[in-house]
N, C-alpha and C. Protein backbone atom coordinates (compact mmCIF):
# COMPACT_ATOMS: atom_id res chain seq x y z
N MET A 1 -2.91 4.92 -10.14
CA MET A 1 -2.78 5.63 -8.73
C MET A 1 -1.28 6.08 -8.10
N ASN A 2 -0.80 6.98 -8.63
CA ASN A 2 0.27 7.28 -8.40
C ASN A 2 0.32 8.14 -7.19
N VAL A 3 1.07 7.80 -5.31
CA VAL A 3 0.43 8.98 -5.16
C VAL A 3 2.15 8.95 -4.54
N THR A 4 3.09 10.57 -3.91
CA THR A 4 3.73 10.25 -2.99
C THR A 4 3.79 11.44 -1.96
N GLY A 5 4.40 11.29 -0.74
CA GLY A 5 4.70 11.76 0.23
C GLY A 5 5.65 11.85 1.24
N VAL A 6 5.74 12.12 1.86
CA VAL A 6 6.63 12.26 3.20
C VAL A 6 6.38 11.53 4.60
N PHE A 7 7.19 10.65 5.26
CA PHE A 7 6.83 10.60 6.99
C PHE A 7 8.16 11.60 7.40
N GLU A 8 7.38 12.54 8.12
CA GLU A 8 7.77 13.65 9.44
C GLU A 8 9.09 12.70 10.13
N LEU A 9 8.57 11.41 10.50
CA LEU A 9 9.28 10.95 11.84
C LEU A 9 9.04 9.54 11.15
N GLY A 10 10.27 8.52 11.56
CA GLY A 10 9.89 6.94 11.09
C GLY A 10 9.08 6.16 11.74
N SER A 11 7.94 7.22 12.75
CA SER A 11 6.97 6.01 13.29
C SER A 11 5.64 6.51 12.98
N ASP A 12 5.87 7.72 11.60
CA ASP A 12 4.78 8.13 11.01
C ASP A 12 3.86 6.52 10.42
N VAL A 13 2.35 7.27 9.81
CA VAL A 13 2.27 5.86 9.34
C VAL A 13 0.96 7.24 8.24
N ASP A 14 0.77 6.69 7.02
CA ASP A 14 0.02 7.89 6.27
C ASP A 14 -1.11 6.43 5.73
N VAL A 15 -2.39 6.66 5.51
CA VAL A 15 -3.36 5.88 4.86
C VAL A 15 -3.99 6.38 3.85
N LEU A 16 -4.15 5.43 2.77
CA LEU A 16 -4.73 6.35 1.63
C LEU A 16 -5.91 5.08 1.35
N SER A 17 -7.22 5.97 0.46
CA SER A 17 -8.17 5.62 0.31
C SER A 17 -8.27 5.31 -1.33
N PHE A 18 -9.16 4.00 -1.31
CA PHE A 18 -9.97 3.79 -2.91
C PHE A 18 -10.85 2.91 -3.17
N ASP A 19 -11.63 2.99 -4.45
CA ASP A 19 -12.34 1.98 -4.19
C ASP A 19 -11.89 1.04 -5.64
N LEU A 20 -12.00 -0.13 -5.42
CA LEU A 20 -11.79 -1.46 -5.91
C LEU A 20 -13.06 -2.17 -6.39
N GLU A 21 -12.68 -3.51 -7.20
CA GLU A 21 -13.63 -3.62 -8.13
C GLU A 21 -13.65 -5.03 -7.29
N ALA A 22 -14.23 -6.59 -6.95
CA ALA A 22 -14.31 -7.66 -6.70
C ALA A 22 -14.04 -8.52 -7.60
N SER A 23 -13.06 -9.28 -7.42
CA SER A 23 -12.54 -10.32 -8.11
C SER A 23 -11.50 -9.75 -9.59
N ARG A 24 -10.78 -8.44 -9.18
CA ARG A 24 -10.00 -8.21 -10.24
C ARG A 24 -8.48 -8.30 -9.15
N THR A 25 -7.94 -8.34 -9.98
CA THR A 25 -6.14 -8.50 -9.45
C THR A 25 -5.67 -7.35 -9.87
N TYR A 26 -5.10 -6.55 -8.92
CA TYR A 26 -4.23 -5.00 -8.59
C TYR A 26 -2.76 -5.38 -7.75
N VAL A 27 -1.60 -4.25 -8.75
CA VAL A 27 -0.53 -4.66 -8.58
C VAL A 27 -0.13 -3.18 -7.61
N VAL A 28 0.21 -3.19 -6.63
CA VAL A 28 0.57 -2.34 -5.89
C VAL A 28 2.40 -2.19 -5.34
N ARG A 29 3.03 -1.07 -5.90
CA ARG A 29 4.19 -1.23 -5.12
C ARG A 29 4.42 0.17 -4.40
N GLY A 30 5.72 -0.03 -3.90
CA GLY A 30 6.24 1.33 -2.86
C GLY A 30 7.82 1.60 -2.70
N ASP A 31 8.04 2.71 -2.61
CA ASP A 31 9.31 3.04 -2.37
C ASP A 31 9.72 3.58 -0.94
N ARG A 32 10.18 2.85 0.01
CA ARG A 32 10.80 3.53 1.18
C ARG A 32 9.48 3.63 2.42
N THR A 33 8.86 2.28 1.77
CA THR A 33 7.49 2.13 2.71
C THR A 33 7.42 0.45 3.22
N THR A 34 7.00 0.47 4.06
CA THR A 34 5.76 -1.18 3.95
C THR A 34 4.21 -0.84 3.63
N ILE A 35 3.30 -1.77 3.17
CA ILE A 35 2.62 -1.48 2.37
C ILE A 35 1.41 -2.55 3.48
N ARG A 36 0.11 -2.37 3.87
CA ARG A 36 -0.63 -3.02 4.21
C ARG A 36 -1.93 -2.61 3.34
N ILE A 37 -2.61 -3.48 2.44
CA ILE A 37 -3.98 -3.34 2.02
C ILE A 37 -5.21 -3.96 3.14
N LEU A 38 -5.93 -3.28 3.33
CA LEU A 38 -6.99 -3.31 4.14
C LEU A 38 -8.61 -3.53 3.08
N ASP A 39 -9.26 -4.20 3.21
CA ASP A 39 -10.20 -4.51 2.81
C ASP A 39 -11.61 -3.64 3.36
N PRO A 40 -12.65 -3.54 2.80
CA PRO A 40 -14.01 -2.50 3.01
C PRO A 40 -14.45 -2.87 4.85
N LEU A 41 -13.88 -4.18 5.27
CA LEU A 41 -14.47 -4.49 6.76
C LEU A 41 -13.12 -3.96 7.22
N GLY A 42 -11.86 -3.89 6.90
CA GLY A 42 -11.11 -3.46 7.77
C GLY A 42 -9.68 -5.13 8.02
N ALA A 43 -10.09 -5.81 7.46
CA ALA A 43 -9.56 -7.29 7.29
C ALA A 43 -8.25 -6.60 6.26
N GLN A 44 -7.01 -7.72 6.97
CA GLN A 44 -5.85 -7.34 5.93
C GLN A 44 -5.76 -8.11 4.54
N VAL A 45 -5.58 -7.89 3.58
CA VAL A 45 -5.51 -8.59 2.72
C VAL A 45 -4.06 -9.29 2.25
N ALA A 46 -4.07 -9.91 1.86
CA ALA A 46 -2.76 -11.29 1.65
C ALA A 46 -2.54 -10.36 0.51
N LEU A 47 -1.02 -10.25 0.06
CA LEU A 47 -0.44 -9.98 -1.12
C LEU A 47 0.80 -10.88 -1.74
N ALA A 48 0.61 -10.85 -2.73
CA ALA A 48 1.86 -12.00 -3.11
C ALA A 48 2.94 -11.21 -3.59
N TYR A 49 4.17 -11.67 -3.65
CA TYR A 49 5.17 -10.54 -3.51
C TYR A 49 5.55 -11.25 -4.83
N GLU A 50 6.10 -10.59 -5.80
CA GLU A 50 6.67 -10.53 -7.29
C GLU A 50 8.09 -10.75 -7.36
N TRP A 51 8.75 -11.60 -7.17
CA TRP A 51 10.24 -11.44 -7.48
C TRP A 51 10.97 -10.89 -8.58
N GLU A 52 10.40 -11.09 -9.64
CA GLU A 52 11.08 -10.42 -10.47
C GLU A 52 11.00 -8.51 -10.99
N THR A 53 9.99 -8.46 -10.15
CA THR A 53 9.53 -6.81 -10.61
C THR A 53 9.83 -6.26 -8.92
N GLY A 54 9.50 -7.01 -8.23
CA GLY A 54 9.12 -6.13 -6.87
C GLY A 54 7.57 -5.82 -6.49
N ASP A 55 6.80 -5.86 -7.50
CA ASP A 55 5.42 -5.71 -7.26
C ASP A 55 4.62 -6.81 -6.01
N HIS A 56 3.29 -6.39 -5.10
CA HIS A 56 2.81 -7.09 -4.56
C HIS A 56 1.34 -7.12 -5.46
N THR A 57 0.78 -8.50 -5.52
CA THR A 57 -0.58 -8.49 -6.37
C THR A 57 -1.40 -9.16 -5.31
N PHE A 58 -2.83 -8.37 -5.41
CA PHE A 58 -3.57 -9.30 -4.81
C PHE A 58 -4.98 -9.17 -5.80
N THR A 59 -5.73 -9.82 -5.23
CA THR A 59 -6.99 -10.39 -6.12
C THR A 59 -7.83 -9.51 -4.97
N ALA A 60 -9.10 -8.63 -5.06
CA ALA A 60 -10.13 -7.93 -4.34
C ALA A 60 -10.82 -8.91 -3.88
N PRO A 61 -11.76 -8.86 -2.84
CA PRO A 61 -12.31 -10.40 -2.62
C PRO A 61 -13.82 -9.58 -2.24
N SER A 62 -13.83 -7.95 -2.60
CA SER A 62 -15.13 -7.47 -2.25
C SER A 62 -15.41 -6.28 -3.01
N SER A 63 -16.11 -5.56 -3.41
CA SER A 63 -16.23 -4.24 -3.86
C SER A 63 -16.52 -3.22 -2.48
N GLY A 64 -15.24 -2.12 -3.01
CA GLY A 64 -15.87 -1.32 -2.34
C GLY A 64 -14.16 -0.16 -1.55
N ALA A 65 -14.84 0.30 -0.53
CA ALA A 65 -13.48 1.64 -0.57
C ALA A 65 -12.45 1.06 0.29
N TYR A 66 -11.32 0.73 0.26
CA TYR A 66 -9.92 0.08 0.81
C TYR A 66 -9.30 1.11 1.06
N ALA A 67 -8.19 0.30 1.81
CA ALA A 67 -7.42 1.43 2.44
C ALA A 67 -5.87 0.88 2.26
N ALA A 68 -5.08 1.27 2.49
CA ALA A 68 -3.42 1.37 1.88
C ALA A 68 -2.76 1.97 3.14
N GLU A 69 -2.24 1.37 4.16
CA GLU A 69 -1.36 1.77 5.59
C GLU A 69 -0.01 1.49 4.49
N LEU A 70 0.62 2.65 4.69
CA LEU A 70 2.01 3.13 4.36
C LEU A 70 2.90 3.62 5.78
N LYS A 71 3.74 2.53 6.14
CA LYS A 71 4.66 3.11 7.26
C LYS A 71 5.93 3.01 6.90
N SER A 72 7.09 3.41 7.26
CA SER A 72 8.44 3.75 7.38
C SER A 72 8.92 2.33 7.50
N GLN A 73 9.98 1.79 6.25
CA GLN A 73 10.67 0.98 6.80
C GLN A 73 11.84 1.34 7.99
N GLN A 74 12.20 2.03 8.05
CA GLN A 74 13.01 2.65 9.12
C GLN A 74 12.14 3.37 10.49
N PRO A 75 11.44 2.87 11.31
CA PRO A 75 10.83 3.40 11.96
C PRO A 75 11.50 3.89 12.90
N TYR A 76 12.44 4.06 13.51
CA TYR A 76 13.07 4.79 14.34
C TYR A 76 13.67 6.12 13.88
N LEU A 77 13.92 6.31 12.44
CA LEU A 77 14.03 7.57 12.25
C LEU A 77 13.90 8.28 12.23
N GLN A 78 14.68 9.59 12.75
CA GLN A 78 14.47 10.88 13.02
C GLN A 78 14.30 11.74 12.04
N ARG A 79 14.25 11.26 10.75
CA ARG A 79 14.36 12.40 9.94
C ARG A 79 13.25 12.09 9.19
N GLU A 80 13.01 12.98 7.75
CA GLU A 80 12.06 12.76 7.08
C GLU A 80 12.25 12.06 6.10
N VAL A 81 11.60 11.37 5.27
CA VAL A 81 11.71 10.10 4.41
C VAL A 81 10.75 10.46 3.33
N ALA A 82 10.86 10.91 1.84
CA ALA A 82 9.88 10.49 1.15
C ALA A 82 9.77 8.94 0.57
N TRP A 83 8.36 8.88 0.74
CA TRP A 83 7.26 7.65 -0.16
C TRP A 83 7.20 8.09 -1.22
N SER A 84 6.85 6.58 -2.08
CA SER A 84 5.93 6.73 -3.49
C SER A 84 5.09 5.32 -3.03
N PHE A 85 3.73 5.93 -4.15
CA PHE A 85 3.12 4.45 -3.27
C PHE A 85 2.57 4.68 -4.81
N SER A 86 1.85 3.06 -5.69
CA SER A 86 1.66 2.50 -6.81
C SER A 86 0.86 1.56 -7.19
N LEU A 87 -0.95 1.92 -7.78
CA LEU A 87 -1.59 0.95 -7.38
C LEU A 87 -2.24 1.18 -8.66
N ARG A 88 -2.20 -0.09 -9.85
CA ARG A 88 -3.27 -0.21 -10.81
C ARG A 88 -3.12 -1.91 -11.07
N GLU A 89 -4.28 -1.90 -11.89
CA GLU A 89 -5.22 -3.35 -12.47
C GLU A 89 -4.47 -3.52 -13.56
N GLN A 90 -4.06 -5.19 -12.82
CA GLN A 90 -3.09 -5.91 -13.52
C GLN A 90 -3.65 -5.99 -15.21
């Protein structure tokens, strides 16, 4: 999954939804955004940072609909900022 978008203001939050399978490891990457992954019950999933690649990895604790909450890295910016997000199975 590769998605792009725009934060109209620095305070905007964009949310993406996708289905994942339990016990599988996934890789996420974002450009000009901070990322929070929420499991099907709304709990935040811990992300491991891969220093060499800049990727984040996590193992899905359960199957179901997950969400990625994307926020600007500059929350007080008053202009549009383009962002990108990618998710793939490791």
